Protein backbone atom coordinates (compact mmCIF):
# COMPACT_ATOMS: atom_id res chain seq x y z
CA MET A 1 34.42 -8.18 14.43
CA SER A 2 32.32 -5.43 14.92
CA GLN A 3 28.68 -5.86 15.02
CA LYS A 4 26.45 -5.00 12.29
CA ARG A 5 23.78 -2.58 12.48
CA ILE A 6 20.56 -3.81 11.56
CA GLY A 7 17.94 -1.19 10.54
CA LEU A 8 14.41 -2.69 11.77
CA LEU A 9 11.83 -0.99 9.81
CA PHE A 10 8.27 -1.44 11.17
CA GLY A 11 4.70 0.30 11.30
CA GLY A 12 3.91 1.73 7.76
CA CYS A 13 1.02 3.18 5.96
CA SER A 14 -1.54 -0.22 5.65
CA GLY A 15 -4.06 -1.69 7.68
CA GLU A 16 -1.48 -4.49 8.40
CA HIS A 17 0.27 -1.59 10.47
CA GLU A 18 -0.08 -3.22 14.14
CA VAL A 19 0.62 -6.71 12.56
CA SER A 20 3.95 -4.99 11.31
CA ILE A 21 4.76 -3.94 15.16
CA VAL A 22 4.32 -7.71 16.52
CA SER A 23 6.11 -8.99 13.98
CA ALA A 24 9.37 -6.82 14.38
CA LYS A 25 9.21 -7.32 18.00
CA THR A 26 9.45 -10.89 17.23
CA ILE A 27 12.60 -10.26 14.97
CA ALA A 28 14.12 -7.90 17.49
CA ASN A 29 14.16 -10.40 20.14
CA ALA A 30 15.69 -12.88 17.67
CA LEU A 31 18.69 -10.94 16.83
CA SER A 32 19.65 -10.31 19.99
CA GLN A 33 19.55 -13.82 21.31
CA ASP A 34 22.45 -16.46 21.50
CA GLU A 35 25.28 -15.62 18.66
CA ASN A 36 23.37 -13.01 17.27
CA ARG A 37 24.10 -10.99 20.65
CA ASP A 38 27.61 -10.84 19.34
CA ARG A 39 26.69 -10.60 15.35
CA TYR A 40 23.87 -7.34 15.46
CA GLN A 41 22.92 -4.15 17.00
CA VAL A 42 19.47 -3.39 16.54
CA LEU A 43 18.27 -0.17 15.46
CA PRO A 44 14.67 0.38 15.39
CA PHE A 45 12.88 2.82 12.80
CA TYR A 46 9.38 3.21 13.16
CA ILE A 47 6.96 4.51 10.41
CA ARG A 48 3.76 6.28 11.89
CA LYS A 49 0.43 5.64 9.81
CA ASP A 50 0.63 9.04 8.08
CA GLY A 51 4.44 8.31 6.93
CA TYR A 52 6.41 9.98 9.49
CA TRP A 53 9.82 8.21 10.40
CA TYR A 54 10.80 7.69 14.32
CA SER A 55 13.59 6.30 15.86
CA ASP A 56 15.79 5.73 18.63
CA ASP A 57 13.47 5.83 22.16
CA THR A 58 10.36 6.88 20.63
CA ALA A 59 10.70 3.53 18.18
CA ALA A 60 11.91 1.70 20.92
CA ARG A 61 9.24 2.16 22.98
CA VAL A 62 6.76 1.53 19.99
CA LEU A 63 8.28 -1.99 19.49
CA GLU A 64 8.33 -3.06 23.09
CA SER A 65 4.61 -1.77 23.72
CA THR A 66 3.39 -3.09 20.60
CA THR A 67 1.48 0.07 20.67
CA PRO A 68 1.23 2.64 17.32
CA LEU A 69 1.48 6.21 18.10
CA SER A 70 -1.25 8.45 17.76
CA THR A 71 -1.22 10.30 14.11
CA ASP A 72 -3.35 13.11 16.38
CA SER A 73 -0.17 14.28 17.89
CA PRO A 74 1.98 16.68 16.06
CA CYS A 75 5.44 15.68 14.37
CA ASP A 76 8.28 17.31 15.39
CA ARG A 77 9.86 16.80 11.61
CA THR A 78 8.86 16.95 8.18
CA LEU A 79 7.19 14.28 5.91
CA TRP A 80 9.86 11.99 4.63
CA GLN A 81 12.54 13.35 6.75
CA PHE A 82 14.69 10.21 7.85
CA PRO A 83 16.28 10.10 11.52
CA ASP A 84 19.97 10.67 11.47
CA SER A 85 20.64 7.42 12.58
CA ALA A 86 19.45 6.00 9.28
CA ALA A 87 22.82 6.73 7.71
CA GLU A 88 24.13 4.30 10.17
CA VAL A 89 22.33 1.26 9.20
CA ASP A 90 24.64 -1.82 7.54
CA VAL A 91 21.47 -3.80 6.73
CA TRP A 92 17.79 -2.76 6.39
CA PHE A 93 15.39 -5.40 8.07
CA PRO A 94 11.92 -4.49 6.31
CA VAL A 95 9.13 -5.74 8.45
CA LEU A 96 6.21 -3.66 6.51
CA HIS A 97 3.28 -6.05 6.11
CA GLY A 98 0.67 -4.68 2.99
CA PRO A 99 0.66 -2.01 0.40
CA ASN A 100 3.89 0.47 0.88
CA GLY A 101 6.00 -2.13 2.64
CA GLU A 102 5.70 -5.68 0.50
CA ASP A 103 4.69 -3.96 -2.77
CA GLY A 104 8.17 -2.58 -4.05
CA SER A 105 7.61 1.06 -2.66
CA ILE A 106 9.96 0.64 0.41
CA GLN A 107 12.49 -1.58 -1.57
CA GLY A 108 12.69 1.10 -4.28
CA LEU A 109 13.70 3.41 -1.71
CA LEU A 110 16.21 1.16 0.03
CA GLN A 111 17.65 0.41 -3.27
CA LEU A 112 18.46 4.01 -3.56
CA MET A 113 20.03 3.79 -0.31
CA GLN A 114 22.43 1.55 -1.54
CA VAL A 115 22.48 -0.50 1.35
CA PRO A 116 21.50 -4.15 1.81
CA TYR A 117 18.38 -5.14 3.01
CA VAL A 118 16.10 -8.11 3.44
CA GLY A 119 13.80 -10.04 0.96
CA SER A 120 12.41 -9.36 -2.31
CA GLY A 121 13.57 -6.73 -4.69
CA ILE A 122 11.39 -4.28 -6.28
CA VAL A 123 9.88 -6.99 -9.07
CA GLY A 124 9.69 -9.95 -6.83
CA SER A 125 7.81 -7.54 -4.07
CA SER A 126 5.28 -5.83 -6.84
CA VAL A 127 4.66 -8.92 -8.26
CA GLY A 128 3.90 -11.13 -5.23
CA MET A 129 2.15 -8.28 -4.09
CA ASP A 130 -0.30 -7.99 -7.13
CA LYS A 131 -2.66 -11.14 -7.18
CA ILE A 132 -3.20 -10.23 -10.83
CA ALA A 133 0.37 -10.21 -11.87
CA MET A 134 1.07 -12.96 -9.59
CA LYS A 135 -1.15 -15.26 -11.31
CA MET A 136 0.03 -14.50 -14.47
CA ALA A 137 3.49 -15.10 -13.88
CA PHE A 138 2.44 -18.46 -11.92
CA ALA A 139 0.44 -19.30 -15.20
CA GLN A 140 3.66 -18.58 -17.29
CA ALA A 141 5.70 -20.84 -15.33
CA GLY A 142 2.92 -23.75 -15.94
CA LEU A 143 1.85 -24.03 -12.40
CA PRO A 144 -1.76 -25.00 -12.07
CA GLN A 145 -4.19 -22.57 -10.09
CA VAL A 146 -7.94 -22.15 -9.62
CA LYS A 147 -10.16 -20.03 -12.29
CA TYR A 148 -9.90 -16.79 -11.71
CA GLU A 149 -11.15 -13.32 -13.61
CA ALA A 150 -9.64 -10.23 -13.06
CA VAL A 151 -11.63 -6.83 -12.73
CA THR A 152 -10.96 -3.32 -12.62
CA ARG A 153 -12.53 -0.54 -10.73
CA ALA A 154 -13.75 1.28 -13.66
CA GLN A 155 -16.03 -1.85 -14.68
CA VAL A 156 -17.35 -2.03 -10.89
CA TRP A 157 -18.53 1.46 -10.59
CA SER A 158 -19.73 1.67 -14.24
CA ASP A 159 -22.88 3.72 -14.92
CA SER A 160 -23.62 1.54 -17.88
CA CYS A 161 -24.53 -1.75 -18.48
CA VAL A 162 -20.87 -2.67 -18.10
CA PHE A 163 -21.21 -3.85 -14.33
CA PRO A 164 -24.45 -6.37 -15.12
CA LYS A 165 -22.57 -7.92 -17.77
CA LEU A 166 -19.34 -8.36 -15.64
CA CYS A 167 -21.68 -9.95 -13.00
CA ASP A 168 -23.11 -12.17 -15.83
CA ASP A 169 -19.64 -13.33 -17.07
CA ILE A 170 -18.27 -13.96 -13.49
CA GLU A 171 -21.11 -16.34 -13.05
CA ALA A 172 -21.05 -17.97 -16.02
CA SER A 173 -17.03 -18.75 -15.68
CA LEU A 174 -16.84 -19.36 -11.86
CA GLY A 175 -19.94 -19.81 -10.36
CA TYR A 176 -20.71 -19.81 -6.62
CA PRO A 177 -19.13 -19.68 -4.11
CA CYS A 178 -16.36 -17.41 -5.46
CA PHE A 179 -13.97 -15.39 -3.62
CA VAL A 180 -13.85 -11.36 -4.29
CA LYS A 181 -10.22 -9.97 -3.55
CA PRO A 182 -8.73 -6.50 -3.55
CA ALA A 183 -5.54 -7.59 -6.05
CA ASN A 184 -2.94 -5.42 -3.82
CA LEU A 185 -4.31 -5.92 -0.09
CA GLY A 186 -2.59 -8.71 2.10
CA SER A 187 -3.74 -10.35 5.00
CA SER A 188 -7.42 -11.13 3.82
CA VAL A 189 -8.21 -7.31 4.05
CA GLY A 190 -11.11 -6.66 1.81
CA ILE A 191 -11.86 -10.29 1.02
CA ALA A 192 -15.20 -11.89 0.78
CA LYS A 193 -16.69 -14.96 0.25
CA VAL A 194 -19.94 -14.89 -2.23
CA ARG A 195 -22.58 -17.35 -2.80
CA SER A 196 -25.02 -15.04 -4.67
CA ARG A 197 -25.58 -12.07 -7.20
CA GLN A 198 -26.66 -9.93 -4.62
CA GLU A 199 -23.22 -10.98 -2.38
CA LEU A 200 -21.19 -10.88 -5.56
CA GLU A 201 -22.42 -7.28 -6.20
CA ALA A 202 -21.71 -5.97 -2.85
CA ALA A 203 -18.43 -7.76 -2.50
CA LEU A 204 -16.83 -6.05 -5.98
CA ASP A 205 -17.98 -2.75 -4.55
CA ASN A 206 -16.20 -3.16 -1.40
CA ALA A 207 -13.19 -4.59 -2.85
CA ALA A 208 -13.26 -1.59 -5.36
CA SER A 209 -12.93 0.79 -2.64
CA TYR A 210 -9.84 -0.66 -1.54
CA ASP A 211 -8.41 -1.00 -4.68
CA ARG A 212 -8.66 -0.25 -8.60
CA ARG A 213 -8.02 -4.06 -9.63
CA ILE A 214 -9.79 -6.79 -8.20
CA ILE A 215 -9.67 -10.62 -8.57
CA VAL A 216 -12.47 -13.18 -8.37
CA GLU A 217 -11.23 -16.59 -7.57
CA ALA A 218 -13.51 -19.87 -7.84
CA GLY A 219 -14.43 -21.60 -4.73
CA VAL A 220 -12.89 -25.22 -4.37
CA THR A 221 -13.41 -27.53 -1.39
CA ALA A 222 -9.82 -28.11 -0.72
CA ARG A 223 -7.55 -28.33 2.31
CA GLU A 224 -4.91 -24.98 2.89
CA VAL A 225 -1.72 -25.99 3.01
CA GLU A 226 1.71 -23.78 3.17
CA CYS A 227 5.22 -24.15 2.43
CA ALA A 228 8.12 -21.63 3.29
CA VAL A 229 10.93 -20.74 1.28
CA LEU A 230 14.63 -19.31 2.06
CA GLY A 231 17.13 -18.13 -0.48
CA ASN A 232 18.28 -16.22 -3.45
CA ASP A 233 19.53 -17.94 -6.54
CA TYR A 234 19.27 -21.43 -4.76
CA PRO A 235 16.14 -21.55 -2.59
CA LYS A 236 14.94 -24.16 -0.42
CA ALA A 237 11.80 -25.13 0.95
CA SER A 238 10.72 -26.01 4.42
CA VAL A 239 8.17 -28.86 5.41
CA VAL A 240 5.11 -28.40 4.59
CA GLY A 241 2.23 -27.01 7.22
CA GLU A 242 -1.49 -27.29 6.70
CA ILE A 243 -4.23 -24.68 8.29
CA THR A 244 -7.42 -25.87 9.72
CA PHE A 245 -10.25 -22.87 10.84
CA ASP A 246 -13.77 -23.03 11.80
CA SER A 247 -14.69 -19.55 10.64
CA ASP A 248 -16.20 -19.38 6.51
CA PHE A 249 -12.54 -18.88 5.49
CA TYR A 250 -9.36 -17.70 6.41
CA ASP A 251 -10.12 -14.09 7.42
CA TYR A 252 -7.93 -11.35 8.89
CA GLU A 253 -9.86 -12.16 12.34
CA THR A 254 -8.80 -15.79 12.07
CA LYS A 255 -5.41 -15.27 11.11
CA TYR A 256 -4.36 -13.06 13.73
CA THR A 257 -6.39 -14.00 16.79
CA ALA A 258 -4.89 -16.50 18.86
CA GLY A 259 -7.21 -20.10 18.86
CA LYS A 260 -9.02 -18.88 15.86
CA SER A 261 -7.18 -21.35 13.66
CA GLN A 262 -4.60 -24.64 14.00
CA LEU A 263 -1.40 -25.23 12.35
CA PHE A 264 -0.59 -28.73 11.99
CA ILE A 265 3.40 -29.05 11.00
CA PRO A 266 4.17 -31.10 9.36
CA ALA A 267 1.02 -31.61 7.57
CA ASN A 268 -0.32 -34.96 7.24
CA LEU A 269 -0.11 -35.44 3.76
CA PRO A 270 0.94 -38.47 1.38
CA GLU A 271 4.89 -38.02 0.91
CA GLU A 272 4.27 -37.46 -3.00
CA VAL A 273 1.95 -34.58 -2.20
CA ILE A 274 4.22 -32.81 0.08
CA GLU A 275 7.40 -33.02 -2.43
CA GLN A 276 5.27 -31.76 -5.04
CA ILE A 277 4.15 -28.66 -3.12
CA ARG A 278 8.02 -28.38 -2.03
CA GLU A 279 8.95 -28.48 -5.69
CA ARG A 280 6.12 -26.04 -6.60
CA ALA A 281 6.76 -23.58 -3.59
CA ILE A 282 10.01 -23.23 -5.18
CA GLN A 283 9.08 -22.50 -8.47
CA GLY A 284 6.37 -19.98 -7.75
CA PHE A 285 9.34 -18.20 -5.53
CA GLN A 286 11.19 -18.23 -8.93
CA ALA A 287 8.54 -17.26 -11.10
CA VAL A 288 7.77 -13.87 -9.48
CA ASP A 289 11.63 -13.31 -8.89
CA ALA A 290 11.34 -13.31 -5.03
CA ALA A 291 14.52 -13.40 -3.06
CA GLY A 292 15.54 -14.26 0.59
CA GLU A 293 12.05 -15.22 2.09
CA ALA A 294 8.49 -16.35 1.01
CA ARG A 295 5.48 -17.97 2.23
CA VAL A 296 3.73 -20.14 -0.64
CA ASP A 297 -0.13 -21.13 -0.20
CA PHE A 298 -1.77 -24.23 -1.68
CA PHE A 299 -4.84 -25.64 -2.22
CA TYR A 300 -4.72 -29.70 -2.20
CA ILE A 301 -7.83 -31.27 -3.34
CA GLU A 302 -8.09 -34.64 -1.83
CA ALA A 303 -10.63 -36.24 -3.97
CA THR A 304 -8.80 -35.50 -7.08
CA GLY A 305 -5.15 -35.38 -5.85
CA GLU A 306 -4.92 -31.91 -7.56
CA VAL A 307 -2.45 -29.29 -5.98
CA LEU A 308 -2.96 -25.74 -7.09
CA ILE A 309 -0.87 -22.62 -6.20
CA ASN A 310 -2.95 -19.88 -4.55
CA GLU A 311 -0.36 -17.08 -3.73
CA ILE A 312 2.99 -16.21 -2.40
CA ASN A 313 3.66 -13.83 0.25
CA THR A 314 7.16 -12.14 0.18
CA LEU A 315 7.26 -10.62 3.39
CA PRO A 316 5.19 -13.27 5.30
CA GLY A 317 4.48 -12.49 8.94
CA PHE A 318 6.72 -13.25 12.13
CA THR A 319 4.10 -13.17 15.19
CA ALA A 320 3.65 -16.02 17.50
CA THR A 321 0.92 -17.14 15.22
CA SER A 322 2.50 -16.89 12.00
CA MET A 323 3.53 -19.65 10.02
CA TYR A 324 7.17 -18.86 8.19
CA PRO A 325 9.08 -19.15 11.43
CA GLN A 326 7.39 -22.44 12.57
CA LEU A 327 7.98 -24.11 9.50
CA TRP A 328 11.43 -23.46 9.50
CA ALA A 329 11.88 -24.35 13.01
CA ALA A 330 10.24 -27.32 12.19
CA THR A 331 12.64 -27.74 9.51
CA GLY A 332 15.37 -27.91 11.84
CA ILE A 333 16.17 -23.80 11.86
CA PRO A 334 15.24 -22.03 15.16
CA LEU A 335 14.13 -18.33 14.88
CA PRO A 336 17.49 -16.64 15.84
CA GLU A 337 19.20 -18.65 13.04
CA LEU A 338 16.75 -17.88 10.72
CA VAL A 339 16.96 -14.07 11.09
CA HIS A 340 20.68 -14.34 10.85
CA ARG A 341 19.94 -16.48 7.64
CA LEU A 342 18.06 -13.79 6.35
CA VAL A 343 20.83 -10.70 7.06
CA GLU A 344 23.41 -12.89 5.32
CA LEU A 345 21.02 -13.74 2.25
CA ALA A 346 20.91 -9.82 2.13
CA ILE A 347 24.15 -9.22 2.02
CA GLU A 348 24.72 -11.82 -0.72
CA ARG A 349 22.34 -10.03 -2.66
CA HIS A 350 23.25 -6.37 -2.21
CA PRO A 351 27.06 -6.43 -1.59
């Protein structure tokens, strides 16, 4: 049986470019281990931060070194000129974290190529990326969440009395502390925890510089737990894991710096709480029309026993510190088998 050629697509035009490379290296190694050696041939495709595509030796060097290419050097191709080897791909494996990678943009391009690709489609990716749309989908599915307010850049940067009234309304509705987040950025980029009017105003202004849509969420005292989902029409949930950290919240540095956070897999929770989290993880997955893979994050308020869904990540990290592959390893699916199943799910969804 001939090997399937896997187009491993990484890098991209987002602030999570470096993390994407590290995730892609982990996946490339897994696609080359055990039985996968005979099943797959990995074809690396690297998208530079300015949007130029590279393949073959250049992409392989970036993947091996995990060092991005400088955008200062000239490029020998025009923008959006795809390498010739793109036509050889049997299944695409996008590992593009953040905007332009997990928001439906690249999924639309791959859809037009008429080649199977790993992960959610256009709708699942875009809804899963936009925190406001995501929360609306969760609410429609009846999933309990923290209180939140949706804000626009126009409100924040208004020259009239709109901005002061906006802050008044947020204080009355959510109180302090609360979290200000750009709606369409991942990995805690642009997020701030605020405890005063001055901090709220500064955080809203900062978030507006990243995105025209902003979400403000009420702060809660809770344990942060996560569950991985795998599948298409009949998704399965992994064991539940818990994240602990010493920083004020789970920001970008804490998430991707070894030793800054601790993962406990499985989480030490009551059995009925674990089952509730796993059930709601699948409900959240289906609510946004996700496919293939996703990690669903929750708050467990120990004092009341409440389980609140926080968000879904339809293209979870695959680095050494990432929860998604570790949760499945603890559930009995090692990394080489996990990436194999993801490829099979892609073929199943896009025959």
